[in-house]
């Protein structure tokens, strides 16, 4: 039995997130169905483990999953066979044999998410990023983003928590950068873990900073009180990308 480590990309616009759910299309469901066709075993016998659940509509540039497979197909051939059977919105990038104990979720050391804004006056029909056609003060946003770096209680930046809850909302952010290129703005956030909707709320908080609705004191107060209303709005899922997963 081999433990295979895969990286894939997907456009999540038409899917209800990564994790398998009954009666709705998911990334996991599509990949397991493709594995069933390639390997010739029952779909129910194939279980893959993803590095993250991801919300409905969220995308990934390099998403990792692993699967224990009893088959002698070389990795290169397996990648080609899966891509022939997957929908166009999902592509397998690579496959390699991993240690027996490797798990895409629990072996991860950190993850990087990107929230992508289309900052042009008009929507880009070829890009699913969030359209924000207002002037952005990149310097101001970069300065505000640095307030999130380090270990903090992110209860105020989490959908389900309104007050501090001991250790459950403690996370560490390693880097938070705001980059602008060709009319697009990226909020790139790397950390040891993220709460439900946390990245979308962090990005929404920066949008509120840009609009003058929040400032540095508000962010520090949000950390202190854990009150959701002290942070910013939750931006829509279609601007969010899981950019990279790090295992070292």
C-alpha atoms as a PDB file:
ATOM      1  CA  UNK A   1       0.000   0.000   0.000  1.00  0.00           C
ATOM      2  CA  UNK A   2       1.520   3.304  -1.105  1.00  0.00           C
ATOM      3  CA  UNK A   3       0.868   6.665   0.546  1.00  0.00           C
ATOM      4  CA  UNK A   4       0.764   9.096  -2.369  1.00  0.00           C
ATOM      5  CA  UNK A   5       1.129  12.857  -1.971  1.00  0.00           C
ATOM      6  CA  UNK A   6      -0.615  14.971  -4.610  1.00  0.00           C
ATOM      7  CA  UNK A   7      -0.714  18.671  -5.397  1.00  0.00           C
ATOM      8  CA  UNK A   8      -3.615  20.057  -7.397  1.00  0.00           C
ATOM      9  CA  UNK A   9      -5.161  23.350  -8.500  1.00  0.00           C
ATOM     10  CA  UNK A  10      -8.854  24.060  -8.704  1.00  0.00           C
ATOM     11  CA  UNK A  11     -11.335  26.774  -9.519  1.00  0.00           C
ATOM     12  CA  UNK A  12     -13.900  26.413  -6.754  1.00  0.00           C
ATOM     13  CA  UNK A  13     -16.626  28.591  -8.284  1.00  0.00           C
ATOM     14  CA  UNK A  14     -18.951  25.669  -9.062  1.00  0.00           C
ATOM     15  CA  UNK A  15     -18.127  23.527  -6.036  1.00  0.00           C
ATOM     16  CA  UNK A  16     -19.274  23.394  -2.428  1.00  0.00           C
ATOM     17  CA  UNK A  17     -15.727  23.418  -1.094  1.00  0.00           C
ATOM     18  CA  UNK A  18     -13.170  20.624  -0.971  1.00  0.00           C
ATOM     19  CA  UNK A  19     -14.693  18.247   1.560  1.00  0.00           C
ATOM     20  CA  UNK A  20     -17.083  15.568   0.324  1.00  0.00           C
ATOM     21  CA  UNK A  21     -20.771  16.316   0.969  1.00  0.00           C
ATOM     22  CA  UNK A  22     -23.902  14.400  -0.043  1.00  0.00           C
ATOM     23  CA  UNK A  23     -25.802  15.513  -3.161  1.00  0.00           C
ATOM     24  CA  UNK A  24     -23.581  18.507  -4.027  1.00  0.00           C
ATOM     25  CA  UNK A  25     -20.415  18.765  -6.170  1.00  0.00           C
ATOM     26  CA  UNK A  26     -17.152  18.962  -4.223  1.00  0.00           C
ATOM     27  CA  UNK A  27     -13.474  18.795  -5.149  1.00  0.00           C
ATOM     28  CA  UNK A  28     -12.920  15.688  -3.031  1.00  0.00           C
ATOM     29  CA  UNK A  29     -15.892  13.959  -4.614  1.00  0.00           C
ATOM     30  CA  UNK A  30     -14.622  14.634  -8.139  1.00  0.00           C
ATOM     31  CA  UNK A  31     -11.089  13.441  -7.385  1.00  0.00           C
ATOM     32  CA  UNK A  32     -12.267  10.271  -5.650  1.00  0.00           C
ATOM     33  CA  UNK A  33     -14.570   9.517  -8.574  1.00  0.00           C
ATOM     34  CA  UNK A  34     -11.663   9.974 -10.999  1.00  0.00           C
ATOM     35  CA  UNK A  35      -9.487   7.662  -8.890  1.00  0.00           C
ATOM     36  CA  UNK A  36     -12.279   5.088  -8.989  1.00  0.00           C
ATOM     37  CA  UNK A  37     -12.306   5.199 -12.800  1.00  0.00           C
ATOM     38  CA  UNK A  38      -8.533   4.951 -13.077  1.00  0.00           C
ATOM     39  CA  UNK A  39      -7.967   2.254 -10.445  1.00  0.00           C
ATOM     40  CA  UNK A  40     -11.102   0.228 -11.101  1.00  0.00           C
ATOM     41  CA  UNK A  41     -12.109  -0.061  -7.447  1.00  0.00           C
ATOM     42  CA  UNK A  42     -15.270   1.010  -5.674  1.00  0.00           C
ATOM     43  CA  UNK A  43     -15.485   4.759  -5.101  1.00  0.00           C
ATOM     44  CA  UNK A  44     -16.469   4.143  -1.467  1.00  0.00           C
ATOM     45  CA  UNK A  45     -13.155   2.318  -0.959  1.00  0.00           C
ATOM     46  CA  UNK A  46     -11.138   5.397  -1.940  1.00  0.00           C
ATOM     47  CA  UNK A  47     -10.628   8.109   0.645  1.00  0.00           C
ATOM     48  CA  UNK A  48      -8.341  11.086   0.150  1.00  0.00           C
ATOM     49  CA  UNK A  49      -7.207  13.456   2.907  1.00  0.00           C
ATOM     50  CA  UNK A  50      -6.998  17.156   2.042  1.00  0.00           C
ATOM     51  CA  UNK A  51      -4.809  19.806   3.640  1.00  0.00           C
ATOM     52  CA  UNK A  52      -7.833  22.061   4.202  1.00  0.00           C
ATOM     53  CA  UNK A  53     -11.602  21.964   3.869  1.00  0.00           C
ATOM     54  CA  UNK A  54     -12.048  25.291   1.976  1.00  0.00           C
ATOM     55  CA  UNK A  55     -15.415  27.057   1.766  1.00  0.00           C
ATOM     56  CA  UNK A  56     -17.769  26.918  -1.190  1.00  0.00           C
ATOM     57  CA  UNK A  57     -16.453  29.078  -4.021  1.00  0.00           C
ATOM     58  CA  UNK A  58     -12.857  29.218  -2.729  1.00  0.00           C
ATOM     59  CA  UNK A  59     -10.010  28.375  -5.131  1.00  0.00           C
ATOM     60  CA  UNK A  60      -6.565  26.779  -4.733  1.00  0.00           C
ATOM     61  CA  UNK A  61      -3.313  27.198  -6.613  1.00  0.00           C
ATOM     62  CA  UNK A  62      -1.377  24.401  -4.851  1.00  0.00           C
ATOM     63  CA  UNK A  63      -3.651  22.257  -2.709  1.00  0.00           C
ATOM     64  CA  UNK A  64      -2.188  19.098  -1.185  1.00  0.00           C
ATOM     65  CA  UNK A  65      -3.962  15.816  -0.540  1.00  0.00           C
ATOM     66  CA  UNK A  66      -2.796  12.280   0.116  1.00  0.00           C
ATOM     67  CA  UNK A  67      -4.264   8.841  -0.527  1.00  0.00           C
ATOM     68  CA  UNK A  68      -3.319   5.294   0.430  1.00  0.00           C
ATOM     69  CA  UNK A  69      -3.467   3.349  -2.819  1.00  0.00           C
ATOM     70  CA  UNK A  70      -2.677  -0.260  -3.591  1.00  0.00           C
ATOM     71  CA  UNK A  71      -1.669   0.084  -7.230  1.00  0.00           C
ATOM     72  CA  UNK A  72       1.495  -0.123  -9.281  1.00  0.00           C
ATOM     73  CA  UNK A  73       0.687   2.717 -11.712  1.00  0.00           C
ATOM     74  CA  UNK A  74       3.696   5.091 -11.897  1.00  0.00           C
ATOM     75  CA  UNK A  75       2.991   8.558 -10.496  1.00  0.00           C
ATOM     76  CA  UNK A  76       3.509  10.295 -13.840  1.00  0.00           C
ATOM     77  CA  UNK A  77       0.986   8.014 -15.535  1.00  0.00           C
ATOM     78  CA  UNK A  78      -1.464   8.402 -12.664  1.00  0.00           C
ATOM     79  CA  UNK A  79      -1.361  12.198 -12.961  1.00  0.00           C
ATOM     80  CA  UNK A  80      -2.049  11.989 -16.687  1.00  0.00           C
ATOM     81  CA  UNK A  81      -4.890   9.491 -16.241  1.00  0.00           C
ATOM     82  CA  UNK A  82      -6.593  11.530 -13.512  1.00  0.00           C
ATOM     83  CA  UNK A  83      -6.413  14.759 -15.509  1.00  0.00           C
ATOM     84  CA  UNK A  84      -8.063  13.004 -18.451  1.00  0.00           C
ATOM     85  CA  UNK A  85     -11.045  12.198 -16.216  1.00  0.00           C
ATOM     86  CA  UNK A  86     -11.350  15.310 -14.049  1.00  0.00           C
ATOM     87  CA  UNK A  87     -13.477  18.344 -14.961  1.00  0.00           C
ATOM     88  CA  UNK A  88     -11.628  21.317 -16.438  1.00  0.00           C
ATOM     89  CA  UNK A  89     -11.857  23.206 -13.131  1.00  0.00           C
ATOM     90  CA  UNK A  90      -9.543  20.693 -11.405  1.00  0.00           C
ATOM     91  CA  UNK A  91      -6.013  19.706 -12.418  1.00  0.00           C
ATOM     92  CA  UNK A  92      -3.503  17.408 -10.718  1.00  0.00           C
ATOM     93  CA  UNK A  93      -0.088  19.109 -10.705  1.00  0.00           C
ATOM     94  CA  UNK A  94       2.108  16.369  -9.262  1.00  0.00           C
ATOM     95  CA  UNK A  95       2.216  13.047  -7.440  1.00  0.00           C
ATOM     96  CA  UNK A  96       4.949  11.397  -5.391  1.00  0.00           C
ATOM     97  CA  UNK A  97       5.264   8.632  -2.846  1.00  0.00           C
ATOM     98  CA  UNK A  98       5.336   9.910   0.748  1.00  0.00           C
ATOM     99  CA  UNK A  99       6.236   8.384   4.104  1.00  0.00           C
ATOM    100  CA  UNK A 100       3.611   6.110   5.599  1.00  0.00           C
ATOM    101  CA  UNK A 101       2.782   8.628   8.345  1.00  0.00           C
ATOM    102  CA  UNK A 102       2.374  11.621   6.055  1.00  0.00           C
ATOM    103  CA  UNK A 103      -1.034  13.320   6.235  1.00  0.00           C
ATOM    104  CA  UNK A 104      -1.789  16.342   4.053  1.00  0.00           C
ATOM    105  CA  UNK A 105      -3.582  18.148   6.874  1.00  0.00           C
ATOM    106  CA  UNK A 106      -1.768  17.152  10.048  1.00  0.00           C
ATOM    107  CA  UNK A 107       1.745  17.166   8.585  1.00  0.00           C
ATOM    108  CA  UNK A 108       1.417  20.758   7.351  1.00  0.00           C
ATOM    109  CA  UNK A 109       3.621  23.319   9.116  1.00  0.00           C
ATOM    110  CA  UNK A 110       2.045  26.442   7.634  1.00  0.00           C
ATOM    111  CA  UNK A 111      -0.228  27.657   4.847  1.00  0.00           C
ATOM    112  CA  UNK A 112      -0.362  30.737   2.681  1.00  0.00           C
ATOM    113  CA  UNK A 113      -3.628  32.202   1.479  1.00  0.00           C
ATOM    114  CA  UNK A 114      -4.064  34.983  -1.033  1.00  0.00           C
ATOM    115  CA  UNK A 115      -7.060  37.252  -1.282  1.00  0.00           C
ATOM    116  CA  UNK A 116      -7.081  38.730  -4.777  1.00  0.00           C
ATOM    117  CA  UNK A 117      -8.724  42.048  -5.608  1.00  0.00           C
ATOM    118  CA  UNK A 118      -9.396  43.311  -9.104  1.00  0.00           C
ATOM    119  CA  UNK A 119      -8.739  47.006  -8.551  1.00  0.00           C
ATOM    120  CA  UNK A 120      -9.543  48.071 -12.117  1.00  0.00           C
ATOM    121  CA  UNK A 121     -12.532  50.233 -12.984  1.00  0.00           C
ATOM    122  CA  UNK A 122     -14.209  47.356 -14.776  1.00  0.00           C
ATOM    123  CA  UNK A 123     -14.683  43.701 -13.899  1.00  0.00           C
ATOM    124  CA  UNK A 124     -12.375  41.181 -15.546  1.00  0.00           C
ATOM    125  CA  UNK A 125     -14.565  38.444 -17.025  1.00  0.00           C
ATOM    126  CA  UNK A 126     -11.598  36.056 -17.225  1.00  0.00           C
ATOM    127  CA  UNK A 127     -10.701  36.368 -13.540  1.00  0.00           C
ATOM    128  CA  UNK A 128     -12.854  35.335 -10.594  1.00  0.00           C
ATOM    129  CA  UNK A 129     -11.220  37.763  -8.162  1.00  0.00           C
ATOM    130  CA  UNK A 130     -13.251  40.156  -6.034  1.00  0.00           C
ATOM    131  CA  UNK A 131     -13.913  43.391  -7.912  1.00  0.00           C
ATOM    132  CA  UNK A 132     -13.109  46.483  -5.833  1.00  0.00           C
ATOM    133  CA  UNK A 133     -13.019  49.520  -8.183  1.00  0.00           C
ATOM    134  CA  UNK A 134     -12.043  52.073  -5.527  1.00  0.00           C
ATOM    135  CA  UNK A 135      -8.671  53.695  -4.902  1.00  0.00           C
ATOM    136  CA  UNK A 136      -6.466  51.673  -2.567  1.00  0.00           C
ATOM    137  CA  UNK A 137      -3.779  53.188  -0.369  1.00  0.00           C
ATOM    138  CA  UNK A 138      -1.235  50.352  -0.591  1.00  0.00           C
ATOM    139  CA  UNK A 139       1.147  51.934   1.916  1.00  0.00           C
ATOM    140  CA  UNK A 140      -1.635  52.328   4.481  1.00  0.00           C
ATOM    141  CA  UNK A 141      -2.821  48.758   3.945  1.00  0.00           C
ATOM    142  CA  UNK A 142       0.694  47.323   4.256  1.00  0.00           C
ATOM    143  CA  UNK A 143       1.185  49.214   7.507  1.00  0.00           C
ATOM    144  CA  UNK A 144      -2.131  47.949   8.905  1.00  0.00           C
ATOM    145  CA  UNK A 145      -1.377  44.374   7.794  1.00  0.00           C
ATOM    146  CA  UNK A 146       1.730  44.304   9.991  1.00  0.00           C
ATOM    147  CA  UNK A 147      -0.489  44.575  13.087  1.00  0.00           C
ATOM    148  CA  UNK A 148      -1.673  41.010  12.468  1.00  0.00           C
ATOM    149  CA  UNK A 149       1.817  39.484  12.405  1.00  0.00           C
ATOM    150  CA  UNK A 150       2.697  37.397  15.463  1.00  0.00           C
ATOM    151  CA  UNK A 151       0.657  35.271  17.835  1.00  0.00           C
ATOM    152  CA  UNK A 152      -2.759  36.733  18.674  1.00  0.00           C
ATOM    153  CA  UNK A 153      -6.226  35.736  19.733  1.00  0.00           C
ATOM    154  CA  UNK A 154      -8.213  36.030  16.485  1.00  0.00           C
ATOM    155  CA  UNK A 155     -11.670  35.545  18.026  1.00  0.00           C
ATOM    156  CA  UNK A 156     -12.853  38.856  16.523  1.00  0.00           C
ATOM    157  CA  UNK A 157     -11.739  37.680  13.074  1.00  0.00           C
ATOM    158  CA  UNK A 158     -13.649  34.409  13.135  1.00  0.00           C
ATOM    159  CA  UNK A 159     -17.239  33.802  12.079  1.00  0.00           C
ATOM    160  CA  UNK A 160     -18.384  31.757  15.064  1.00  0.00           C
ATOM    161  CA  UNK A 161     -16.547  33.347  18.031  1.00  0.00           C
ATOM    162  CA  UNK A 162     -17.607  36.671  19.523  1.00  0.00           C
ATOM    163  CA  UNK A 163     -15.535  36.507  22.695  1.00  0.00           C
ATOM    164  CA  UNK A 164     -12.109  35.138  23.620  1.00  0.00           C
ATOM    165  CA  UNK A 165     -12.265  31.379  24.084  1.00  0.00           C
ATOM    166  CA  UNK A 166      -9.035  30.339  25.797  1.00  0.00           C
ATOM    167  CA  UNK A 167      -6.720  28.712  23.238  1.00  0.00           C
ATOM    168  CA  UNK A 168      -9.138  27.794  20.440  1.00  0.00           C
ATOM    169  CA  UNK A 169      -8.720  31.078  18.580  1.00  0.00           C
ATOM    170  CA  UNK A 170      -4.984  31.582  19.110  1.00  0.00           C
ATOM    171  CA  UNK A 171      -3.086  31.601  15.802  1.00  0.00           C
ATOM    172  CA  UNK A 172       0.288  32.884  14.626  1.00  0.00           C
ATOM    173  CA  UNK A 173       0.696  34.903  11.436  1.00  0.00           C
ATOM    174  CA  UNK A 174       4.208  34.740   9.963  1.00  0.00           C
ATOM    175  CA  UNK A 175       3.794  37.271   7.158  1.00  0.00           C
ATOM    176  CA  UNK A 176       1.104  39.525   5.712  1.00  0.00           C
ATOM    177  CA  UNK A 177       1.976  41.420   2.547  1.00  0.00           C
ATOM    178  CA  UNK A 178      -0.004  43.698   0.262  1.00  0.00           C
ATOM    179  CA  UNK A 179       1.172  43.660  -3.356  1.00  0.00           C
ATOM    180  CA  UNK A 180      -0.073  45.559  -6.407  1.00  0.00           C
ATOM    181  CA  UNK A 181       0.517  44.622 -10.048  1.00  0.00           C
ATOM    182  CA  UNK A 182      -1.295  45.440 -13.283  1.00  0.00           C
ATOM    183  CA  UNK A 183      -4.497  46.528 -11.614  1.00  0.00           C
ATOM    184  CA  UNK A 184      -4.689  43.585  -9.196  1.00  0.00           C
ATOM    185  CA  UNK A 185      -3.946  43.681  -5.477  1.00  0.00           C
ATOM    186  CA  UNK A 186      -2.969  40.608  -3.463  1.00  0.00           C
ATOM    187  CA  UNK A 187      -3.277  40.205   0.274  1.00  0.00           C
ATOM    188  CA  UNK A 188      -0.803  37.344   0.937  1.00  0.00           C
ATOM    189  CA  UNK A 189      -1.106  35.826   4.422  1.00  0.00           C
ATOM    190  CA  UNK A 190       1.005  32.983   5.805  1.00  0.00           C
ATOM    191  CA  UNK A 191       0.413  31.426   9.196  1.00  0.00           C
ATOM    192  CA  UNK A 192       0.369  28.241  11.242  1.00  0.00           C
ATOM    193  CA  UNK A 193      -3.401  27.896  10.932  1.00  0.00           C
ATOM    194  CA  UNK A 194      -6.570  29.806  10.126  1.00  0.00           C
ATOM    195  CA  UNK A 195     -10.034  29.947  11.658  1.00  0.00           C
ATOM    196  CA  UNK A 196     -13.275  29.724   9.712  1.00  0.00           C
ATOM    197  CA  UNK A 197     -13.566  32.806   7.442  1.00  0.00           C
ATOM    198  CA  UNK A 198     -10.489  34.319   9.112  1.00  0.00           C
ATOM    199  CA  UNK A 199      -8.638  35.287   5.917  1.00  0.00           C
ATOM    200  CA  UNK A 200     -11.756  36.798   4.362  1.00  0.00           C
ATOM    201  CA  UNK A 201     -12.349  38.842   7.528  1.00  0.00           C
ATOM    202  CA  UNK A 202      -8.715  39.993   7.705  1.00  0.00           C
ATOM    203  CA  UNK A 203      -8.966  41.134   4.086  1.00  0.00           C
ATOM    204  CA  UNK A 204     -12.286  42.816   4.822  1.00  0.00           C
ATOM    205  CA  UNK A 205     -10.729  44.603   7.786  1.00  0.00           C
ATOM    206  CA  UNK A 206      -8.055  46.056   5.499  1.00  0.00           C
ATOM    207  CA  UNK A 207     -10.801  47.216   3.143  1.00  0.00           C
ATOM    208  CA  UNK A 208     -12.446  48.978   6.086  1.00  0.00           C
ATOM    209  CA  UNK A 209      -9.085  50.565   6.961  1.00  0.00           C
ATOM    210  CA  UNK A 210      -8.829  51.822   3.386  1.00  0.00           C
ATOM    211  CA  UNK A 211     -12.333  53.302   3.644  1.00  0.00           C
ATOM    212  CA  UNK A 212     -11.608  54.984   6.983  1.00  0.00           C
ATOM    213  CA  UNK A 213     -14.052  52.730   8.864  1.00  0.00           C
ATOM    214  CA  UNK A 214     -11.314  51.090  10.974  1.00  0.00           C
ATOM    215  CA  UNK A 215      -7.871  52.109  12.201  1.00  0.00           C
ATOM    216  CA  UNK A 216      -4.952  50.623  14.112  1.00  0.00           C
ATOM    217  CA  UNK A 217      -6.601  51.239  17.459  1.00  0.00           C
ATOM    218  CA  UNK A 218      -9.718  49.361  16.334  1.00  0.00           C
ATOM    219  CA  UNK A 219      -7.617  46.339  15.334  1.00  0.00           C
ATOM    220  CA  UNK A 220      -5.790  46.300  18.663  1.00  0.00           C
ATOM    221  CA  UNK A 221      -9.130  46.633  20.464  1.00  0.00           C
ATOM    222  CA  UNK A 222     -10.490  43.706  18.438  1.00  0.00           C
ATOM    223  CA  UNK A 223      -7.606  41.537  19.676  1.00  0.00           C
ATOM    224  CA  UNK A 224      -8.244  42.650  23.241  1.00  0.00           C
ATOM    225  CA  UNK A 225     -12.037  42.210  23.363  1.00  0.00           C
ATOM    226  CA  UNK A 226     -12.662  39.459  20.798  1.00  0.00           C
ATOM    227  CA  UNK A 227     -15.725  41.369  19.599  1.00  0.00           C
ATOM    228  CA  UNK A 228     -16.569  40.597  15.980  1.00  0.00           C
ATOM    229  CA  UNK A 229     -17.933  44.091  15.275  1.00  0.00           C
ATOM    230  CA  UNK A 230     -14.511  45.598  15.991  1.00  0.00           C
ATOM    231  CA  UNK A 231     -13.104  43.915  12.872  1.00  0.00           C
ATOM    232  CA  UNK A 232     -14.111  44.365   9.237  1.00  0.00           C
ATOM    233  CA  UNK A 233     -16.606  42.725   6.915  1.00  0.00           C
ATOM    234  CA  UNK A 234     -16.302  39.220   5.516  1.00  0.00           C
ATOM    235  CA  UNK A 235     -15.308  39.457   1.854  1.00  0.00           C
ATOM    236  CA  UNK A 236     -16.916  36.982  -0.576  1.00  0.00           C
ATOM    237  CA  UNK A 237     -15.281  33.583  -1.158  1.00  0.00           C
ATOM    238  CA  UNK A 238     -14.502  33.982  -4.869  1.00  0.00           C
ATOM    239  CA  UNK A 239     -11.477  36.203  -4.154  1.00  0.00           C
ATOM    240  CA  UNK A 240      -9.810  33.657  -1.853  1.00  0.00           C
ATOM    241  CA  UNK A 241      -7.066  31.244  -2.963  1.00  0.00           C
ATOM    242  CA  UNK A 242      -5.148  28.658  -0.982  1.00  0.00           C
ATOM    243  CA  UNK A 243      -1.790  29.543  -2.473  1.00  0.00           C
ATOM    244  CA  UNK A 244       0.669  27.094  -0.892  1.00  0.00           C
ATOM    245  CA  UNK A 245       1.049  24.497   1.854  1.00  0.00           C
ATOM    246  CA  UNK A 246       4.414  24.124   3.573  1.00  0.00           C
ATOM    247  CA  UNK A 247       5.651  20.874   5.113  1.00  0.00           C
ATOM    248  CA  UNK A 248       9.051  22.025   6.352  1.00  0.00           C
END
